Amino acid sequence: MTRAPLMTRTVPTTPGPPEGFASAGLDSQPGPGSGGAVPEDRLSGPASALEESMVAALNAEVLARGDATGLVDAAYTLMPSPMGELVVVVTDRGLLRIGFDTEELSAVLTEVAEAVGPVVVEDSGMTRTVVAELGEYFAGERRSFDIALDLRLTRGFRAEVQQALADIPFGSTMSYAEMAAHLGNPKAVRAVGTACAKNPIPLILPCHRIVRSDGSFGNYRGGHDRKQWVLDFEAGTLPLTG
């Protein structure tokens, strides 16, 4: 599909206010004398203390091997930032998810586990490159990102919209209608809005640079205040963090 030329504008400068979880796949093992059958009531409901300790032990064993890549389905870390604590989730394919502290950590990681597999561990090693590039961004040293992306949390037209967000230059915005036209589907304004609201990798795929035609904000995973903060930051009206 041929994309129309970008129509961007300088970002608005209106002042604005600036449970850990790990899971692993464990094969069910029948207890002694069970005849190989596991009671149905043991296959659902909250994990027992023993089950939780087994998961924690498995996570520790995986991470003790030094390099968890290839041994886990996803790894995450919690990163402090001027926008609040970020959840950074990666796989061996690349960055999968960035979550804000407005989202429940357990919900973010459950979404990840359902999409890519149940072995999700906290590991700063696998996320180091992403955290470093985000740190450079917040320090004013980076305006675009070089990291690989894992887009398994999105598909179809939403994925097309989200990938096109990277076409919007740092310090500019465009409207939902302009993005729809850019993608050759001018009637898909509402679908563009949904794609931005559901963007699994904010900041890297900069959905904050999409605004309504009148300049007001649409939905943003991090909330109105964070969208205003990052737009002001990119406009140069806020101090750098470095």
C-alpha atoms as a PDB file:
ATOM      1  CA  MET A   1       0.000   0.000   0.000  1.00  0.00           C
ATOM      2  CA  THR A   2       1.472   3.366  -1.031  1.00  0.00           C
ATOM      3  CA  ARG A   3       1.843   5.845   1.804  1.00  0.00           C
ATOM      4  CA  ALA A   4       1.014   9.491   1.236  1.00  0.00           C
ATOM      5  CA  PRO A   5       3.599  12.110   2.275  1.00  0.00           C
ATOM      6  CA  LEU A   6       3.695  12.928   5.983  1.00  0.00           C
ATOM      7  CA  MET A   7       1.959  16.070   7.195  1.00  0.00           C
ATOM      8  CA  THR A   8       3.495  16.988  10.537  1.00  0.00           C
ATOM      9  CA  ARG A   9       3.540  20.006  12.806  1.00  0.00           C
ATOM     10  CA  THR A  10       5.555  21.217  15.761  1.00  0.00           C
ATOM     11  CA  VAL A  11       4.343  19.681  18.999  1.00  0.00           C
ATOM     12  CA  PRO A  12       2.169  21.830  21.285  1.00  0.00           C
ATOM     13  CA  THR A  13       3.909  23.410  24.250  1.00  0.00           C
ATOM     14  CA  THR A  14       0.986  23.825  26.614  1.00  0.00           C
ATOM     15  CA  PRO A  15       2.374  23.346  30.154  1.00  0.00           C
ATOM     16  CA  GLY A  16       1.294  20.116  31.802  1.00  0.00           C
ATOM     17  CA  PRO A  17       2.139  18.271  35.019  1.00  0.00           C
ATOM     18  CA  PRO A  18       4.872  16.501  34.413  1.00  0.00           C
ATOM     19  CA  GLU A  19       3.928  -6.782  42.618  1.00  0.00           C
ATOM     20  CA  GLY A  20       6.523  -8.383  40.894  1.00  0.00           C
ATOM     21  CA  PHE A  21       5.507 -11.353  38.767  1.00  0.00           C
ATOM     22  CA  ALA A  22       7.233 -14.271  37.183  1.00  0.00           C
ATOM     23  CA  SER A  23       5.815 -17.405  35.630  1.00  0.00           C
ATOM     24  CA  ALA A  24       7.209 -20.599  34.216  1.00  0.00           C
ATOM     25  CA  GLY A  25       5.729 -23.641  32.525  1.00  0.00           C
ATOM     26  CA  LEU A  26       5.807 -26.639  34.851  1.00  0.00           C
ATOM     27  CA  ASP A  27       4.596 -30.077  33.830  1.00  0.00           C
ATOM     28  CA  SER A  28       1.967 -31.394  36.237  1.00  0.00           C
ATOM     29  CA  GLN A  29       3.271 -34.369  38.149  1.00  0.00           C
ATOM     30  CA  PRO A  30       0.735 -36.698  39.835  1.00  0.00           C
ATOM     31  CA  GLY A  31       1.346 -37.407  43.499  1.00  0.00           C
ATOM     32  CA  PRO A  32       2.085 -40.818  44.958  1.00  0.00           C
ATOM     33  CA  GLY A  33      -0.804 -43.252  44.834  1.00  0.00           C
ATOM     34  CA  SER A  34      -2.786 -41.083  42.481  1.00  0.00           C
ATOM     35  CA  GLY A  35      -2.769 -43.627  39.689  1.00  0.00           C
ATOM     36  CA  GLY A  36      -1.475 -40.916  37.337  1.00  0.00           C
ATOM     37  CA  ALA A  37      -4.614 -38.783  37.628  1.00  0.00           C
ATOM     38  CA  VAL A  38      -4.547 -35.190  38.851  1.00  0.00           C
ATOM     39  CA  PRO A  39      -7.767 -34.047  40.568  1.00  0.00           C
ATOM     40  CA  GLU A  40      -9.568 -31.464  38.486  1.00  0.00           C
ATOM     41  CA  ASP A  41      -9.753 -28.993  41.371  1.00  0.00           C
ATOM     42  CA  ARG A  42      -5.942 -28.905  41.401  1.00  0.00           C
ATOM     43  CA  LEU A  43      -5.762 -27.745  37.793  1.00  0.00           C
ATOM     44  CA  SER A  44      -7.317 -24.324  38.359  1.00  0.00           C
ATOM     45  CA  GLY A  45      -7.436 -21.560  40.921  1.00  0.00           C
ATOM     46  CA  PRO A  46      -4.612 -19.628  42.600  1.00  0.00           C
ATOM     47  CA  ALA A  47      -1.170 -21.161  42.906  1.00  0.00           C
ATOM     48  CA  SER A  48      -0.234 -22.720  46.226  1.00  0.00           C
ATOM     49  CA  ALA A  49       2.790 -21.559  48.201  1.00  0.00           C
ATOM     50  CA  LEU A  50       4.618 -24.689  47.050  1.00  0.00           C
ATOM     51  CA  GLU A  51       3.827 -24.009  43.401  1.00  0.00           C
ATOM     52  CA  GLU A  52       4.951 -20.402  43.728  1.00  0.00           C
ATOM     53  CA  SER A  53       8.207 -21.480  45.351  1.00  0.00           C
ATOM     54  CA  MET A  54       8.789 -23.994  42.539  1.00  0.00           C
ATOM     55  CA  VAL A  55       8.299 -21.246  39.943  1.00  0.00           C
ATOM     56  CA  ALA A  56      10.684 -18.949  41.811  1.00  0.00           C
ATOM     57  CA  ALA A  57      13.271 -21.734  42.062  1.00  0.00           C
ATOM     58  CA  LEU A  58      13.018 -22.432  38.332  1.00  0.00           C
ATOM     59  CA  ASN A  59      13.422 -18.742  37.504  1.00  0.00           C
ATOM     60  CA  ALA A  60      16.497 -18.547  39.732  1.00  0.00           C
ATOM     61  CA  GLU A  61      17.978 -21.645  38.091  1.00  0.00           C
ATOM     62  CA  VAL A  62      17.458 -20.212  34.597  1.00  0.00           C
ATOM     63  CA  LEU A  63      19.016 -16.864  35.486  1.00  0.00           C
ATOM     64  CA  ALA A  64      21.921 -18.554  37.282  1.00  0.00           C
ATOM     65  CA  ARG A  65      23.025 -19.949  33.918  1.00  0.00           C
ATOM     66  CA  GLY A  66      24.245 -16.482  33.026  1.00  0.00           C
ATOM     67  CA  ASP A  67      22.374 -15.856  29.777  1.00  0.00           C
ATOM     68  CA  ALA A  68      18.630 -16.438  29.845  1.00  0.00           C
ATOM     69  CA  THR A  69      18.205 -15.773  26.114  1.00  0.00           C
ATOM     70  CA  GLY A  70      16.718 -18.856  24.476  1.00  0.00           C
ATOM     71  CA  LEU A  71      15.788 -20.392  27.820  1.00  0.00           C
ATOM     72  CA  VAL A  72      12.814 -18.149  28.588  1.00  0.00           C
ATOM     73  CA  ASP A  73       9.868 -16.845  26.582  1.00  0.00           C
ATOM     74  CA  ALA A  74      10.251 -13.257  27.788  1.00  0.00           C
ATOM     75  CA  ALA A  75      12.172 -11.204  30.327  1.00  0.00           C
ATOM     76  CA  TYR A  76      11.247  -7.930  31.980  1.00  0.00           C
ATOM     77  CA  THR A  77      12.732  -5.233  34.146  1.00  0.00           C
ATOM     78  CA  LEU A  78      11.343  -2.192  35.950  1.00  0.00           C
ATOM     79  CA  MET A  79      12.976   1.028  34.762  1.00  0.00           C
ATOM     80  CA  PRO A  80      12.720   4.360  36.615  1.00  0.00           C
ATOM     81  CA  SER A  81      12.011   7.262  34.263  1.00  0.00           C
ATOM     82  CA  PRO A  82      10.740  10.866  34.327  1.00  0.00           C
ATOM     83  CA  MET A  83       7.375   9.430  33.228  1.00  0.00           C
ATOM     84  CA  GLY A  84       7.254   7.089  36.202  1.00  0.00           C
ATOM     85  CA  GLU A  85       8.361   3.479  36.430  1.00  0.00           C
ATOM     86  CA  LEU A  86       8.303   1.659  33.084  1.00  0.00           C
ATOM     87  CA  VAL A  87       7.915  -2.082  32.558  1.00  0.00           C
ATOM     88  CA  VAL A  88      10.272  -3.142  29.770  1.00  0.00           C
ATOM     89  CA  VAL A  89       9.602  -6.609  28.313  1.00  0.00           C
ATOM     90  CA  VAL A  90      11.812  -8.289  25.713  1.00  0.00           C
ATOM     91  CA  THR A  91      12.035 -11.641  23.938  1.00  0.00           C
ATOM     92  CA  ASP A  92      14.808 -13.146  21.850  1.00  0.00           C
ATOM     93  CA  ARG A  93      13.183 -11.358  18.885  1.00  0.00           C
ATOM     94  CA  GLY A  94      13.314  -7.878  20.393  1.00  0.00           C
ATOM     95  CA  LEU A  95      11.308  -5.416  22.490  1.00  0.00           C
ATOM     96  CA  LEU A  96       7.774  -6.724  23.000  1.00  0.00           C
ATOM     97  CA  ARG A  97       6.093  -4.373  25.457  1.00  0.00           C
ATOM     98  CA  ILE A  98       6.530  -1.179  27.437  1.00  0.00           C
ATOM     99  CA  GLY A  99       4.071  -0.654  30.264  1.00  0.00           C
ATOM    100  CA  PHE A 100       3.431   2.399  32.423  1.00  0.00           C
ATOM    101  CA  ASP A 101       2.894   2.358  36.170  1.00  0.00           C
ATOM    102  CA  THR A 102      -0.759   3.165  35.477  1.00  0.00           C
ATOM    103  CA  GLU A 103      -1.066  -0.478  34.377  1.00  0.00           C
ATOM    104  CA  GLU A 104      -1.056  -3.495  36.690  1.00  0.00           C
ATOM    105  CA  LEU A 105       2.245  -5.325  36.351  1.00  0.00           C
ATOM    106  CA  SER A 106       0.543  -8.703  36.669  1.00  0.00           C
ATOM    107  CA  ALA A 107      -1.861  -7.789  33.845  1.00  0.00           C
ATOM    108  CA  VAL A 108       0.989  -6.698  31.562  1.00  0.00           C
ATOM    109  CA  LEU A 109       2.928  -9.906  32.166  1.00  0.00           C
ATOM    110  CA  THR A 110      -0.136 -12.108  31.828  1.00  0.00           C
ATOM    111  CA  GLU A 111      -0.740 -10.505  28.417  1.00  0.00           C
ATOM    112  CA  VAL A 112       2.873 -11.298  27.528  1.00  0.00           C
ATOM    113  CA  ALA A 113       2.688 -14.897  28.748  1.00  0.00           C
ATOM    114  CA  GLU A 114      -0.509 -15.563  26.807  1.00  0.00           C
ATOM    115  CA  ALA A 115       1.073 -14.216  23.621  1.00  0.00           C
ATOM    116  CA  VAL A 116       4.587 -15.669  23.650  1.00  0.00           C
ATOM    117  CA  GLY A 117       4.739 -18.406  26.304  1.00  0.00           C
ATOM    118  CA  PRO A 118       4.571 -18.932  30.052  1.00  0.00           C
ATOM    119  CA  VAL A 119       8.240 -18.601  31.047  1.00  0.00           C
ATOM    120  CA  VAL A 120       8.436 -14.902  31.950  1.00  0.00           C
ATOM    121  CA  VAL A 121      11.258 -13.857  34.277  1.00  0.00           C
ATOM    122  CA  GLU A 122      12.692 -10.671  35.711  1.00  0.00           C
ATOM    123  CA  ASP A 123      16.144 -10.230  34.189  1.00  0.00           C
ATOM    124  CA  SER A 124      17.979  -6.952  33.681  1.00  0.00           C
ATOM    125  CA  GLY A 125      20.556  -8.564  31.405  1.00  0.00           C
ATOM    126  CA  MET A 126      18.208  -9.306  28.519  1.00  0.00           C
ATOM    127  CA  THR A 127      16.644  -5.838  28.752  1.00  0.00           C
ATOM    128  CA  ARG A 128      19.925  -3.918  29.076  1.00  0.00           C
ATOM    129  CA  THR A 129      20.068  -2.565  25.508  1.00  0.00           C
ATOM    130  CA  VAL A 130      16.481  -1.277  25.554  1.00  0.00           C
ATOM    131  CA  VAL A 131      16.951   0.368  28.951  1.00  0.00           C
ATOM    132  CA  ALA A 132      20.163   2.015  27.734  1.00  0.00           C
ATOM    133  CA  GLU A 133      18.485   3.498  24.636  1.00  0.00           C
ATOM    134  CA  LEU A 134      15.515   4.730  26.663  1.00  0.00           C
ATOM    135  CA  GLY A 135      17.948   6.322  29.111  1.00  0.00           C
ATOM    136  CA  GLU A 136      19.657   8.124  26.237  1.00  0.00           C
ATOM    137  CA  TYR A 137      16.268   9.309  24.979  1.00  0.00           C
ATOM    138  CA  PHE A 138      15.301  10.779  28.351  1.00  0.00           C
ATOM    139  CA  ALA A 139      18.750  12.394  28.618  1.00  0.00           C
ATOM    140  CA  GLY A 140      18.183  14.187  25.314  1.00  0.00           C
ATOM    141  CA  GLU A 141      20.924  12.186  23.595  1.00  0.00           C
ATOM    142  CA  ARG A 142      18.705  10.110  21.283  1.00  0.00           C
ATOM    143  CA  ARG A 143      15.783  10.982  19.004  1.00  0.00           C
ATOM    144  CA  SER A 144      15.242   7.597  17.349  1.00  0.00           C
ATOM    145  CA  PHE A 145      15.796   3.989  18.386  1.00  0.00           C
ATOM    146  CA  ASP A 146      17.859   1.182  16.917  1.00  0.00           C
ATOM    147  CA  ILE A 147      16.501  -1.771  18.873  1.00  0.00           C
ATOM    148  CA  ALA A 148      14.748  -4.749  17.273  1.00  0.00           C
ATOM    149  CA  LEU A 149      11.003  -5.041  17.893  1.00  0.00           C
ATOM    150  CA  ASP A 150       8.832  -8.086  18.524  1.00  0.00           C
ATOM    151  CA  LEU A 151       5.357  -7.198  17.208  1.00  0.00           C
ATOM    152  CA  ARG A 152       3.521 -10.337  18.292  1.00  0.00           C
ATOM    153  CA  LEU A 153       1.156  -8.320  20.503  1.00  0.00           C
ATOM    154  CA  THR A 154      -0.400  -6.632  17.479  1.00  0.00           C
ATOM    155  CA  ARG A 155      -1.519  -7.562  13.980  1.00  0.00           C
ATOM    156  CA  GLY A 156      -3.376  -6.385  10.894  1.00  0.00           C
ATOM    157  CA  PHE A 157      -4.123  -2.710  10.369  1.00  0.00           C
ATOM    158  CA  ARG A 158      -3.224  -1.906  13.981  1.00  0.00           C
ATOM    159  CA  ALA A 159       0.292  -3.183  13.374  1.00  0.00           C
ATOM    160  CA  GLU A 160       0.509  -1.125  10.192  1.00  0.00           C
ATOM    161  CA  VAL A 161      -0.508   2.024  12.075  1.00  0.00           C
ATOM    162  CA  GLN A 162       1.844   1.358  14.972  1.00  0.00           C
ATOM    163  CA  GLN A 163       4.852   0.779  12.729  1.00  0.00           C
ATOM    164  CA  ALA A 164       4.029   3.954  10.757  1.00  0.00           C
ATOM    165  CA  LEU A 165       4.221   5.975  13.970  1.00  0.00           C
ATOM    166  CA  ALA A 166       8.006   5.830  13.642  1.00  0.00           C
ATOM    167  CA  ASP A 167       7.639   7.934  10.460  1.00  0.00           C
ATOM    168  CA  ILE A 168       6.663  10.980  12.546  1.00  0.00           C
ATOM    169  CA  PRO A 169       9.790  13.043  13.269  1.00  0.00           C
ATOM    170  CA  PHE A 170      10.870  13.876  16.810  1.00  0.00           C
ATOM    171  CA  GLY A 171       9.355  17.228  17.783  1.00  0.00           C
ATOM    172  CA  SER A 172       6.376  16.921  15.419  1.00  0.00           C
ATOM    173  CA  THR A 173       2.819  15.642  15.589  1.00  0.00           C
ATOM    174  CA  MET A 174       0.167  14.614  13.100  1.00  0.00           C
ATOM    175  CA  SER A 175      -3.555  14.035  13.453  1.00  0.00           C
ATOM    176  CA  TYR A 176      -5.426  10.742  13.380  1.00  0.00           C
ATOM    177  CA  ALA A 177      -6.929  11.795  10.041  1.00  0.00           C
ATOM    178  CA  GLU A 178      -3.507  12.621   8.605  1.00  0.00           C
ATOM    179  CA  MET A 179      -2.159   9.236   9.663  1.00  0.00           C
ATOM    180  CA  ALA A 180      -5.127   7.468   8.059  1.00  0.00           C
ATOM    181  CA  ALA A 181      -4.457   9.382   4.823  1.00  0.00           C
ATOM    182  CA  HIS A 182      -0.724   8.628   5.103  1.00  0.00           C
ATOM    183  CA  LEU A 183      -1.590   4.924   5.142  1.00  0.00           C
ATOM    184  CA  GLY A 184      -3.842   5.282   2.106  1.00  0.00           C
ATOM    185  CA  ASN A 185      -7.046   4.674   4.057  1.00  0.00           C
ATOM    186  CA  PRO A 186      -8.515   8.112   4.867  1.00  0.00           C
ATOM    187  CA  LYS A 187     -11.751   6.685   6.265  1.00  0.00           C
ATOM    188  CA  ALA A 188      -9.914   4.686   8.942  1.00  0.00           C
ATOM    189  CA  VAL A 189      -9.601   7.557  11.439  1.00  0.00           C
ATOM    190  CA  ARG A 190     -11.271   5.640  14.272  1.00  0.00           C
ATOM    191  CA  ALA A 191      -9.154   2.550  13.587  1.00  0.00           C
ATOM    192  CA  VAL A 192      -6.024   4.705  13.792  1.00  0.00           C
ATOM    193  CA  GLY A 193      -7.185   5.975  17.169  1.00  0.00           C
ATOM    194  CA  THR A 194      -7.734   2.444  18.435  1.00  0.00           C
ATOM    195  CA  ALA A 195      -4.318   1.348  17.178  1.00  0.00           C
ATOM    196  CA  CYS A 196      -2.668   4.221  19.034  1.00  0.00           C
ATOM    197  CA  ALA A 197      -4.568   3.513  22.250  1.00  0.00           C
ATOM    198  CA  LYS A 198      -3.586  -0.178  22.062  1.00  0.00           C
ATOM    199  CA  ASN A 199       0.045   0.431  21.081  1.00  0.00           C
ATOM    200  CA  PRO A 200       2.109  -2.141  23.037  1.00  0.00           C
ATOM    201  CA  ILE A 201       5.406  -0.265  22.603  1.00  0.00           C
ATOM    202  CA  PRO A 202       4.819   3.424  23.420  1.00  0.00           C
ATOM    203  CA  LEU A 203       7.739   5.871  23.184  1.00  0.00           C
ATOM    204  CA  ILE A 204       9.605   3.593  20.765  1.00  0.00           C
ATOM    205  CA  LEU A 205       6.564   3.590  18.461  1.00  0.00           C
ATOM    206  CA  PRO A 206       5.600   7.172  19.344  1.00  0.00           C
ATOM    207  CA  CYS A 207       1.815   7.187  19.524  1.00  0.00           C
ATOM    208  CA  HIS A 208       2.119  10.303  21.719  1.00  0.00           C
ATOM    209  CA  ARG A 209       2.835  12.226  18.501  1.00  0.00           C
ATOM    210  CA  ILE A 210      -0.697  11.572  17.234  1.00  0.00           C
ATOM    211  CA  VAL A 211      -3.309  14.160  18.286  1.00  0.00           C
ATOM    212  CA  ARG A 212      -6.803  15.121  17.225  1.00  0.00           C
ATOM    213  CA  SER A 213      -7.311  17.593  14.402  1.00  0.00           C
ATOM    214  CA  ASP A 214      -8.090  20.341  16.932  1.00  0.00           C
ATOM    215  CA  GLY A 215      -4.845  19.596  18.813  1.00  0.00           C
ATOM    216  CA  SER A 216      -6.497  17.895  21.772  1.00  0.00           C
ATOM    217  CA  PHE A 217      -5.387  14.460  22.970  1.00  0.00           C
ATOM    218  CA  GLY A 218      -6.924  11.077  22.333  1.00  0.00           C
ATOM    219  CA  ASN A 219      -6.492   8.060  24.589  1.00  0.00           C
ATOM    220  CA  TYR A 220      -2.963   7.240  25.774  1.00  0.00           C
ATOM    221  CA  ARG A 221      -1.858   4.208  27.803  1.00  0.00           C
ATOM    222  CA  GLY A 222       0.060   6.404  30.211  1.00  0.00           C
ATOM    223  CA  GLY A 223      -2.733   8.955  30.623  1.00  0.00           C
ATOM    224  CA  HIS A 224      -3.173  12.588  29.622  1.00  0.00           C
ATOM    225  CA  ASP A 225      -0.463  13.999  31.921  1.00  0.00           C
ATOM    226  CA  ARG A 226       2.237  11.681  30.591  1.00  0.00           C
ATOM    227  CA  LYS A 227       1.301  12.445  26.998  1.00  0.00           C
ATOM    228  CA  GLN A 228       1.543  16.166  27.749  1.00  0.00           C
ATOM    229  CA  TRP A 229       4.881  15.637  29.501  1.00  0.00           C
ATOM    230  CA  VAL A 230       6.506  13.741  26.635  1.00  0.00           C
ATOM    231  CA  LEU A 231       5.228  16.222  24.023  1.00  0.00           C
ATOM    232  CA  ASP A 232       6.623  19.120  26.058  1.00  0.00           C
ATOM    233  CA  PHE A 233       9.875  17.198  26.554  1.00  0.00           C
ATOM    234  CA  GLU A 234      10.289  16.659  22.818  1.00  0.00           C
ATOM    235  CA  ALA A 235       9.410  20.312  22.183  1.00  0.00           C
ATOM    236  CA  GLY A 236      12.299  21.315  24.427  1.00  0.00           C
ATOM    237  CA  THR A 237      10.191  23.058  27.059  1.00  0.00           C
ATOM    238  CA  LEU A 238      11.239  20.712  29.885  1.00  0.00           C
ATOM    239  CA  PRO A 239      14.715  20.207  31.372  1.00  0.00           C
ATOM    240  CA  LEU A 240      16.701  17.152  30.314  1.00  0.00           C
ATOM    241  CA  THR A 241      17.175  14.341  32.806  1.00  0.00           C
ATOM    242  CA  GLY A 242      20.899  13.940  32.249  1.00  0.00           C
END
